[in-house]
Amino acid sequence: MLGHLKLSPRRKRRGRTQSKTAMRSLPKYLFSATALCLALGATMHTAGFSHAASVIDAAHPPALFGGILKGLWLCNSVNLVAFALLFGCAAIRPSMVPKPLALLFTATLFVLGGLVYATVGSFIGGHLLTVAGTAAALGCITRRDQPISSRLFKADRKTRQG
């Protein structure tokens, strides 16, 4: 019925280019969401330190164990900040973070979330880690990378010319 109406080649290319651009930016948005979830989690975890320290002190554990618990609390906050920075770098410039490294950190997020669910139960920390891991996994899946060999040859050509 509408066989006589055909899109011009320019129209087809424009649509294809727009979808390619959208697919390139989707991982950036997903990695940004991951970084924001992790930064929020780090902020909440660090803000709860004073309360956790007072609870630890009130329990009167041996000094060594109390210090270890407080140190582990702060280490977890620092780890969340490091993860947020890694995924923030992946959002800004995906080539800075190789895909296998992003997948490794994504798997770590799921493991940490599972550990929170196993030890604490249904808790906002586990939810944030699971949401961040899901966004990071989707970002890794939708990410389009050049093969490593082509990046190496490209860098090698630049050093020969320069």
Protein backbone atom coordinates (compact mmCIF):
# COMPACT_ATOMS: atom_id res chain seq x y z
CA MET A 1 0.00 0.00 0.00
CA LEU A 2 2.74 2.45 0.88
CA GLY A 3 5.33 0.82 -1.40
CA HIS A 4 5.82 4.00 -3.38
CA LEU A 5 7.00 5.89 -0.27
CA LYS A 6 10.69 5.18 0.33
CA LEU A 7 13.06 6.77 2.74
CA SER A 8 15.98 8.57 1.23
CA PRO A 9 19.41 7.03 1.91
CA ARG A 10 20.30 10.06 4.04
CA ARG A 11 17.30 9.42 6.25
CA LYS A 12 18.32 5.82 6.77
CA ARG A 13 21.88 6.76 7.66
CA ARG A 14 20.75 9.41 10.11
CA GLY A 15 18.63 6.92 12.01
CA ARG A 16 21.43 4.37 12.08
CA THR A 17 23.93 6.97 13.30
CA GLN A 18 21.59 8.11 16.06
CA SER A 19 21.13 4.55 17.28
CA LYS A 20 24.90 3.95 17.24
CA THR A 21 25.43 7.10 19.26
CA ALA A 22 22.77 6.03 21.73
CA MET A 23 24.42 2.61 22.08
CA ARG A 24 27.78 4.24 22.70
CA SER A 25 26.41 6.49 25.42
CA LEU A 26 24.31 3.83 27.17
CA PRO A 27 27.29 2.20 28.94
CA LYS A 28 28.42 5.63 30.08
CA TYR A 29 25.05 6.28 31.70
CA LEU A 30 25.05 2.83 33.30
CA PHE A 31 28.57 3.25 34.66
CA SER A 32 27.59 6.71 35.94
CA ALA A 33 24.63 5.17 37.77
CA THR A 34 26.97 2.56 39.25
CA ALA A 35 29.40 5.23 40.42
CA LEU A 36 26.58 7.28 41.96
CA CYS A 37 25.14 4.26 43.82
CA LEU A 38 28.57 3.40 45.18
CA ALA A 39 29.33 6.99 46.16
CA LEU A 40 25.98 7.18 47.96
CA GLY A 41 26.76 3.91 49.74
CA ALA A 42 30.21 5.16 50.75
CA THR A 43 28.72 8.38 52.10
CA MET A 44 26.07 6.53 54.09
CA HIS A 45 28.57 3.99 55.40
CA THR A 46 31.04 6.68 56.49
CA ALA A 47 28.27 8.72 58.12
CA GLY A 48 27.30 5.68 60.21
CA PHE A 49 30.82 5.22 61.58
CA SER A 50 30.34 7.33 64.72
CA HIS A 51 27.25 5.34 65.70
CA ALA A 52 28.99 2.02 64.93
CA ALA A 53 32.03 3.08 66.96
CA SER A 54 29.86 3.94 69.98
CA VAL A 55 28.08 0.56 69.71
CA ILE A 56 31.43 -1.24 69.48
CA ASP A 57 32.74 0.65 72.52
CA ALA A 58 29.56 -0.08 74.48
CA ALA A 59 29.98 -3.82 73.84
CA HIS A 60 33.38 -3.70 75.65
CA PRO A 61 35.30 -6.02 73.31
CA PRO A 62 39.05 -6.41 73.83
CA ALA A 63 40.86 -3.35 72.49
CA LEU A 64 42.35 -5.26 69.58
CA PHE A 65 38.98 -6.56 68.36
CA GLY A 66 37.28 -3.19 68.80
CA GLY A 67 40.01 -1.53 66.78
CA ILE A 68 39.77 -4.19 64.09
CA LEU A 69 36.00 -3.72 63.77
CA LYS A 70 36.38 0.06 63.47
CA GLY A 71 39.17 -0.34 60.92
CA LEU A 72 37.14 -2.77 58.85
CA TRP A 73 34.20 -0.37 58.92
CA LEU A 74 36.32 2.43 57.48
CA CYS A 75 38.05 0.07 55.00
CA ASN A 76 34.68 -0.82 53.55
CA SER A 77 33.91 2.87 53.04
CA VAL A 78 37.24 3.40 51.30
CA ASN A 79 36.63 0.36 49.08
CA LEU A 80 33.27 1.76 48.02
CA VAL A 81 34.94 5.08 47.14
CA ALA A 82 37.58 3.23 45.10
CA PHE A 83 34.89 1.27 43.23
CA ALA A 84 32.97 4.51 42.61
CA LEU A 85 36.10 6.15 41.18
CA LEU A 86 36.81 3.16 38.93
CA PHE A 87 33.30 3.13 37.49
CA GLY A 88 33.36 6.95 37.28
CA CYS A 89 36.48 6.66 35.11
CA ALA A 90 34.70 4.04 33.00
CA ALA A 91 31.79 6.45 32.58
CA ILE A 92 34.00 9.35 31.55
CA ARG A 93 36.36 7.42 29.31
CA PRO A 94 35.57 3.73 28.81
CA SER A 95 38.98 2.98 27.28
CA MET A 96 40.62 3.76 30.64
CA VAL A 97 39.06 0.67 32.21
CA PRO A 98 39.53 -2.58 30.27
CA LYS A 99 36.41 -4.69 29.96
CA PRO A 100 37.85 -7.68 31.90
CA LEU A 101 38.69 -5.40 34.82
CA ALA A 102 35.20 -3.89 34.79
CA LEU A 103 33.72 -7.40 34.74
CA LEU A 104 35.91 -8.44 37.69
CA PHE A 105 34.79 -5.46 39.75
CA THR A 106 31.19 -6.06 38.70
CA ALA A 107 31.38 -9.64 39.94
CA THR A 108 32.89 -8.34 43.19
CA LEU A 109 29.90 -6.04 43.66
CA PHE A 110 27.53 -8.99 43.37
CA VAL A 111 29.61 -11.04 45.82
CA LEU A 112 29.66 -8.19 48.33
CA GLY A 113 25.91 -7.72 47.96
CA GLY A 114 25.38 -11.43 48.51
CA LEU A 115 27.54 -11.33 51.63
CA VAL A 116 25.51 -8.43 52.99
CA TYR A 117 22.29 -10.35 52.38
CA ALA A 118 23.74 -13.50 53.96
CA THR A 119 25.03 -11.78 57.11
CA VAL A 120 22.73 -8.81 57.71
CA GLY A 121 19.65 -9.77 55.72
CA SER A 122 17.54 -7.44 53.63
CA PHE A 123 19.40 -4.17 54.15
CA ILE A 124 19.92 -1.02 52.08
CA GLY A 125 23.64 -1.74 51.68
CA GLY A 126 22.88 -5.01 49.93
CA HIS A 127 20.27 -3.32 47.78
CA LEU A 128 22.70 -0.57 46.71
CA LEU A 129 25.41 -3.10 45.87
CA THR A 130 22.97 -5.20 43.85
CA VAL A 131 21.65 -2.19 41.91
CA ALA A 132 25.20 -0.96 41.29
CA GLY A 133 26.28 -4.43 40.17
CA THR A 134 23.32 -4.76 37.84
CA ALA A 135 23.98 -1.36 36.25
CA ALA A 136 27.67 -2.21 35.88
CA ALA A 137 26.88 -5.62 34.35
CA LEU A 138 24.53 -4.01 31.83
CA GLY A 139 27.20 -1.40 31.10
CA CYS A 140 29.74 -4.16 30.42
CA ILE A 141 27.31 -6.06 28.21
CA THR A 142 26.35 -3.03 26.09
CA ARG A 143 29.90 -1.71 25.87
CA ARG A 144 31.54 -1.98 22.47
CA ASP A 145 35.31 -2.23 22.59
CA GLN A 146 37.93 -2.35 19.93
CA PRO A 147 39.94 -5.55 20.08
CA ILE A 148 43.10 -5.15 22.14
CA SER A 149 45.30 -6.00 19.15
CA SER A 150 43.92 -3.07 17.10
CA ARG A 151 44.51 -0.68 20.00
CA LEU A 152 48.11 -1.91 20.32
CA PHE A 153 48.78 -1.52 16.61
CA LYS A 154 47.23 1.95 16.66
CA ALA A 155 49.49 3.00 19.55
CA ASP A 156 52.49 1.43 17.81
CA ARG A 157 51.79 3.42 14.63
CA LYS A 158 51.55 6.65 16.63
CA THR A 159 54.92 6.07 18.32
CA ARG A 160 56.59 5.35 14.96
CA GLN A 161 55.22 8.57 13.47
CA GLY A 162 55.96 10.76 16.50
